[in-house]
C-alpha atoms as a PDB file:
ATOM      1  CA  UNK A   1     120.173 103.368  85.376  1.00  0.00           C
ATOM      2  CA  UNK A   2     123.760 102.576  86.343  1.00  0.00           C
ATOM      3  CA  UNK A   3     125.828 105.789  86.750  1.00  0.00           C
ATOM      4  CA  UNK A   4     127.949 105.407  83.663  1.00  0.00           C
ATOM      5  CA  UNK A   5     124.933 104.555  81.657  1.00  0.00           C
ATOM      6  CA  UNK A   6     124.725 108.244  80.311  1.00  0.00           C
ATOM      7  CA  UNK A   7     128.315 108.552  79.722  1.00  0.00           C
ATOM      8  CA  UNK A   8     127.958 105.390  77.347  1.00  0.00           C
ATOM      9  CA  UNK A   9     125.015 107.089  75.602  1.00  0.00           C
ATOM     10  CA  UNK A  10     126.970 110.243  75.097  1.00  0.00           C
ATOM     11  CA  UNK A  11     129.321 108.284  73.004  1.00  0.00           C
ATOM     12  CA  UNK A  12     126.646 107.781  70.333  1.00  0.00           C
ATOM     13  CA  UNK A  13     126.306 110.106  67.412  1.00  0.00           C
ATOM     14  CA  UNK A  14     123.316 112.028  68.608  1.00  0.00           C
ATOM     15  CA  UNK A  15     122.089 114.575  65.962  1.00  0.00           C
ATOM     16  CA  UNK A  16     120.363 117.755  67.003  1.00  0.00           C
ATOM     17  CA  UNK A  17     118.889 120.490  64.770  1.00  0.00           C
ATOM     18  CA  UNK A  18     121.296 123.073  66.011  1.00  0.00           C
ATOM     19  CA  UNK A  19     123.442 124.041  68.955  1.00  0.00           C
ATOM     20  CA  UNK A  20     121.652 123.422  72.164  1.00  0.00           C
ATOM     21  CA  UNK A  21     121.587 126.918  73.181  1.00  0.00           C
ATOM     22  CA  UNK A  22     119.598 127.717  69.962  1.00  0.00           C
ATOM     23  CA  UNK A  23     116.927 125.275  70.460  1.00  0.00           C
ATOM     24  CA  UNK A  24     113.421 125.913  71.882  1.00  0.00           C
ATOM     25  CA  UNK A  25     113.359 122.271  73.155  1.00  0.00           C
ATOM     26  CA  UNK A  26     115.877 119.653  74.011  1.00  0.00           C
ATOM     27  CA  UNK A  27     115.046 116.232  75.758  1.00  0.00           C
ATOM     28  CA  UNK A  28     117.228 113.026  75.804  1.00  0.00           C
ATOM     29  CA  UNK A  29     116.077 109.978  77.635  1.00  0.00           C
ATOM     30  CA  UNK A  30     117.806 106.796  77.741  1.00  0.00           C
ATOM     31  CA  UNK A  31     117.504 103.130  79.011  1.00  0.00           C
ATOM     32  CA  UNK A  32     119.967 100.343  79.457  1.00  0.00           C
ATOM     33  CA  UNK A  33     118.961  97.623  76.910  1.00  0.00           C
ATOM     34  CA  UNK A  34     118.609  94.215  78.472  1.00  0.00           C
ATOM     35  CA  UNK A  35     119.186  92.747  74.687  1.00  0.00           C
ATOM     36  CA  UNK A  36     120.913  94.372  71.756  1.00  0.00           C
ATOM     37  CA  UNK A  37     118.476  96.529  69.497  1.00  0.00           C
ATOM     38  CA  UNK A  38     118.852  98.863  66.452  1.00  0.00           C
ATOM     39  CA  UNK A  39     117.222 102.110  66.510  1.00  0.00           C
ATOM     40  CA  UNK A  40     114.724 101.105  63.839  1.00  0.00           C
ATOM     41  CA  UNK A  41     113.807  97.914  65.903  1.00  0.00           C
ATOM     42  CA  UNK A  42     113.221  99.982  68.937  1.00  0.00           C
ATOM     43  CA  UNK A  43     111.158 102.407  67.057  1.00  0.00           C
ATOM     44  CA  UNK A  44     108.948  99.536  65.618  1.00  0.00           C
ATOM     45  CA  UNK A  45     108.645  98.005  69.182  1.00  0.00           C
ATOM     46  CA  UNK A  46     107.839 101.061  70.928  1.00  0.00           C
ATOM     47  CA  UNK A  47     105.056 101.919  68.460  1.00  0.00           C
ATOM     48  CA  UNK A  48     103.724  98.311  67.993  1.00  0.00           C
ATOM     49  CA  UNK A  49     101.504  98.883  71.133  1.00  0.00           C
ATOM     50  CA  UNK A  50     100.541 102.339  71.128  1.00  0.00           C
ATOM     51  CA  UNK A  51     100.250 104.085  74.580  1.00  0.00           C
ATOM     52  CA  UNK A  52      96.633 104.675  75.789  1.00  0.00           C
ATOM     53  CA  UNK A  53      95.474 107.995  74.800  1.00  0.00           C
ATOM     54  CA  UNK A  54      98.119 108.660  72.055  1.00  0.00           C
ATOM     55  CA  UNK A  55      95.530 108.184  69.187  1.00  0.00           C
ATOM     56  CA  UNK A  56      93.282 110.893  71.045  1.00  0.00           C
ATOM     57  CA  UNK A  57      96.018 113.130  71.453  1.00  0.00           C
ATOM     58  CA  UNK A  58      97.252 112.971  67.871  1.00  0.00           C
ATOM     59  CA  UNK A  59      93.602 113.543  66.883  1.00  0.00           C
ATOM     60  CA  UNK A  60      93.457 116.692  69.246  1.00  0.00           C
ATOM     61  CA  UNK A  61      96.659 117.930  67.782  1.00  0.00           C
ATOM     62  CA  UNK A  62      95.366 117.669  64.193  1.00  0.00           C
ATOM     63  CA  UNK A  63      92.079 119.285  64.854  1.00  0.00           C
ATOM     64  CA  UNK A  64      93.381 122.317  66.878  1.00  0.00           C
ATOM     65  CA  UNK A  65      96.471 122.906  64.604  1.00  0.00           C
ATOM     66  CA  UNK A  66      94.498 122.483  61.284  1.00  0.00           C
ATOM     67  CA  UNK A  67      92.746 125.934  62.297  1.00  0.00           C
ATOM     68  CA  UNK A  68      96.105 127.455  62.138  1.00  0.00           C
ATOM     69  CA  UNK A  69      97.028 125.987  58.702  1.00  0.00           C
ATOM     70  CA  UNK A  70      99.294 123.016  60.009  1.00  0.00           C
ATOM     71  CA  UNK A  71      99.279 119.921  58.086  1.00  0.00           C
ATOM     72  CA  UNK A  72      97.467 116.870  59.714  1.00  0.00           C
ATOM     73  CA  UNK A  73      99.921 114.070  60.434  1.00  0.00           C
ATOM     74  CA  UNK A  74      97.327 111.438  61.699  1.00  0.00           C
ATOM     75  CA  UNK A  75      99.829 109.941  64.436  1.00  0.00           C
ATOM     76  CA  UNK A  76     102.207 107.134  64.498  1.00  0.00           C
ATOM     77  CA  UNK A  77     101.060 103.642  63.110  1.00  0.00           C
ATOM     78  CA  UNK A  78     101.954 100.376  64.787  1.00  0.00           C
ATOM     79  CA  UNK A  79     103.056  99.053  61.221  1.00  0.00           C
ATOM     80  CA  UNK A  80     106.241  97.031  61.631  1.00  0.00           C
ATOM     81  CA  UNK A  81     109.196  98.656  59.709  1.00  0.00           C
ATOM     82  CA  UNK A  82     111.937  96.206  58.520  1.00  0.00           C
ATOM     83  CA  UNK A  83     113.989  98.617  56.436  1.00  0.00           C
ATOM     84  CA  UNK A  84     114.067 102.177  55.634  1.00  0.00           C
ATOM     85  CA  UNK A  85     116.571 104.501  53.616  1.00  0.00           C
ATOM     86  CA  UNK A  86     117.273 108.269  54.040  1.00  0.00           C
ATOM     87  CA  UNK A  87     114.617 109.944  52.251  1.00  0.00           C
ATOM     88  CA  UNK A  88     111.748 107.602  53.145  1.00  0.00           C
ATOM     89  CA  UNK A  89     108.875 108.424  55.367  1.00  0.00           C
ATOM     90  CA  UNK A  90     108.250 106.727  58.850  1.00  0.00           C
ATOM     91  CA  UNK A  91     104.703 107.927  59.408  1.00  0.00           C
ATOM     92  CA  UNK A  92     104.786 111.809  59.236  1.00  0.00           C
ATOM     93  CA  UNK A  93     108.651 111.753  59.740  1.00  0.00           C
ATOM     94  CA  UNK A  94     111.398 112.025  57.101  1.00  0.00           C
ATOM     95  CA  UNK A  95     114.265 109.735  57.497  1.00  0.00           C
ATOM     96  CA  UNK A  96     117.376 111.787  57.481  1.00  0.00           C
ATOM     97  CA  UNK A  97     119.782 108.997  58.679  1.00  0.00           C
ATOM     98  CA  UNK A  98     119.692 105.267  59.478  1.00  0.00           C
ATOM     99  CA  UNK A  99     122.093 102.555  60.475  1.00  0.00           C
ATOM    100  CA  UNK A 100     122.784  99.948  63.179  1.00  0.00           C
ATOM    101  CA  UNK A 101     123.290 102.713  65.678  1.00  0.00           C
ATOM    102  CA  UNK A 102     121.446 105.893  64.700  1.00  0.00           C
ATOM    103  CA  UNK A 103     117.954 106.529  63.188  1.00  0.00           C
ATOM    104  CA  UNK A 104     117.354 110.473  62.654  1.00  0.00           C
ATOM    105  CA  UNK A 105     113.966 111.638  61.701  1.00  0.00           C
ATOM    106  CA  UNK A 106     112.694 115.209  60.902  1.00  0.00           C
ATOM    107  CA  UNK A 107     109.389 117.176  60.388  1.00  0.00           C
ATOM    108  CA  UNK A 108     109.821 120.789  59.190  1.00  0.00           C
ATOM    109  CA  UNK A 109     106.911 123.070  58.542  1.00  0.00           C
ATOM    110  CA  UNK A 110     106.372 126.861  58.657  1.00  0.00           C
ATOM    111  CA  UNK A 111     105.853 126.847  62.446  1.00  0.00           C
ATOM    112  CA  UNK A 112     108.640 124.551  63.711  1.00  0.00           C
ATOM    113  CA  UNK A 113     111.358 122.111  62.862  1.00  0.00           C
ATOM    114  CA  UNK A 114     111.679 118.776  64.841  1.00  0.00           C
ATOM    115  CA  UNK A 115     114.333 116.243  64.991  1.00  0.00           C
ATOM    116  CA  UNK A 116     114.273 112.986  66.885  1.00  0.00           C
ATOM    117  CA  UNK A 117     117.412 110.917  66.846  1.00  0.00           C
ATOM    118  CA  UNK A 118     117.363 107.450  68.372  1.00  0.00           C
ATOM    119  CA  UNK A 119     120.658 105.900  69.198  1.00  0.00           C
ATOM    120  CA  UNK A 120     121.785 102.466  70.337  1.00  0.00           C
ATOM    121  CA  UNK A 121     125.212 102.511  71.417  1.00  0.00           C
ATOM    122  CA  UNK A 122     126.981 100.314  74.103  1.00  0.00           C
ATOM    123  CA  UNK A 123     123.995  98.748  75.442  1.00  0.00           C
ATOM    124  CA  UNK A 124     122.248 102.238  75.903  1.00  0.00           C
ATOM    125  CA  UNK A 125     119.165 103.310  73.781  1.00  0.00           C
ATOM    126  CA  UNK A 126     118.603 107.068  73.670  1.00  0.00           C
ATOM    127  CA  UNK A 127     115.835 109.223  72.227  1.00  0.00           C
ATOM    128  CA  UNK A 128     116.807 112.877  71.697  1.00  0.00           C
ATOM    129  CA  UNK A 129     114.282 115.178  70.397  1.00  0.00           C
ATOM    130  CA  UNK A 130     115.208 118.954  69.459  1.00  0.00           C
ATOM    131  CA  UNK A 131     112.913 121.625  68.187  1.00  0.00           C
ATOM    132  CA  UNK A 132     113.275 125.098  66.781  1.00  0.00           C
ATOM    133  CA  UNK A 133     110.178 127.242  66.783  1.00  0.00           C
ATOM    134  CA  UNK A 134     109.838 129.794  63.798  1.00  0.00           C
ATOM    135  CA  UNK A 135     106.805 131.809  64.999  1.00  0.00           C
ATOM    136  CA  UNK A 136     104.292 132.419  67.785  1.00  0.00           C
ATOM    137  CA  UNK A 137     102.221 129.542  66.805  1.00  0.00           C
ATOM    138  CA  UNK A 138     105.134 127.169  67.213  1.00  0.00           C
ATOM    139  CA  UNK A 139     106.012 128.617  70.450  1.00  0.00           C
ATOM    140  CA  UNK A 140     102.335 128.314  71.622  1.00  0.00           C
ATOM    141  CA  UNK A 141     102.217 124.737  70.111  1.00  0.00           C
ATOM    142  CA  UNK A 142     105.174 123.923  72.388  1.00  0.00           C
ATOM    143  CA  UNK A 143     103.560 124.769  75.539  1.00  0.00           C
ATOM    144  CA  UNK A 144     101.577 121.513  75.821  1.00  0.00           C
ATOM    145  CA  UNK A 145     103.894 119.557  73.691  1.00  0.00           C
ATOM    146  CA  UNK A 146     106.770 120.107  75.893  1.00  0.00           C
ATOM    147  CA  UNK A 147     105.687 118.075  79.026  1.00  0.00           C
ATOM    148  CA  UNK A 148     103.476 115.589  77.097  1.00  0.00           C
ATOM    149  CA  UNK A 149     106.411 114.577  74.856  1.00  0.00           C
ATOM    150  CA  UNK A 150     108.673 113.933  77.775  1.00  0.00           C
ATOM    151  CA  UNK A 151     105.986 111.787  79.437  1.00  0.00           C
ATOM    152  CA  UNK A 152     105.279 109.979  76.171  1.00  0.00           C
ATOM    153  CA  UNK A 153     109.040 109.110  75.465  1.00  0.00           C
ATOM    154  CA  UNK A 154     109.518 107.953  79.194  1.00  0.00           C
ATOM    155  CA  UNK A 155     106.502 105.809  79.145  1.00  0.00           C
ATOM    156  CA  UNK A 156     107.428 104.366  75.795  1.00  0.00           C
ATOM    157  CA  UNK A 157     110.876 103.611  76.798  1.00  0.00           C
ATOM    158  CA  UNK A 158     109.746 101.982  80.035  1.00  0.00           C
ATOM    159  CA  UNK A 159     107.373  99.843  78.074  1.00  0.00           C
ATOM    160  CA  UNK A 160     109.892  98.959  75.670  1.00  0.00           C
ATOM    161  CA  UNK A 161     112.493  97.896  78.330  1.00  0.00           C
ATOM    162  CA  UNK A 162     109.610  95.693  80.075  1.00  0.00           C
ATOM    163  CA  UNK A 163     108.962  93.946  77.022  1.00  0.00           C
ATOM    164  CA  UNK A 164     112.520  93.143  76.047  1.00  0.00           C
ATOM    165  CA  UNK A 165     113.136  91.882  79.640  1.00  0.00           C
ATOM    166  CA  UNK A 166     109.969  89.666  79.329  1.00  0.00           C
ATOM    167  CA  UNK A 167     110.985  88.490  75.856  1.00  0.00           C
ATOM    168  CA  UNK A 168     114.513  87.715  77.281  1.00  0.00           C
ATOM    169  CA  UNK A 169     113.021  85.772  80.327  1.00  0.00           C
ATOM    170  CA  UNK A 170     110.804  83.584  78.134  1.00  0.00           C
ATOM    171  CA  UNK A 171     113.639  82.496  76.037  1.00  0.00           C
END
């Protein structure tokens, strides 16, 4: 990534659940976009071809978490989304904000709160996830999720960039 790409990404209106010092997890990953893309377009393209093993990971998450009273989420569908409004659902996420530069999604339950904010600004796409745990189960839940989430986002962004570069080369 070019040296000033993160500086450009920092100008986007990234939203997080709370001040960074109060979070139990905070991760931001960015790519330089080969073509302009809105956050909703990026979401749709990233999930059009699910990562291998992701369906199994969500099944495991649901099976184990259900034993502790956590609602099943079922995973993320590959269904294309052409328009959403605040208050709509994107799979198990609640849409909090949506524009041509920001898509903010949340999930809140009795164990933890999650916010994922996708921004597209100055040719940089960023995915920022923030989590606040509420209890021991939430903290235990984040032990395997923390590294898995970072890997899933990194691989999703890499695949997105490759798909966009291939699309641009084909034109």
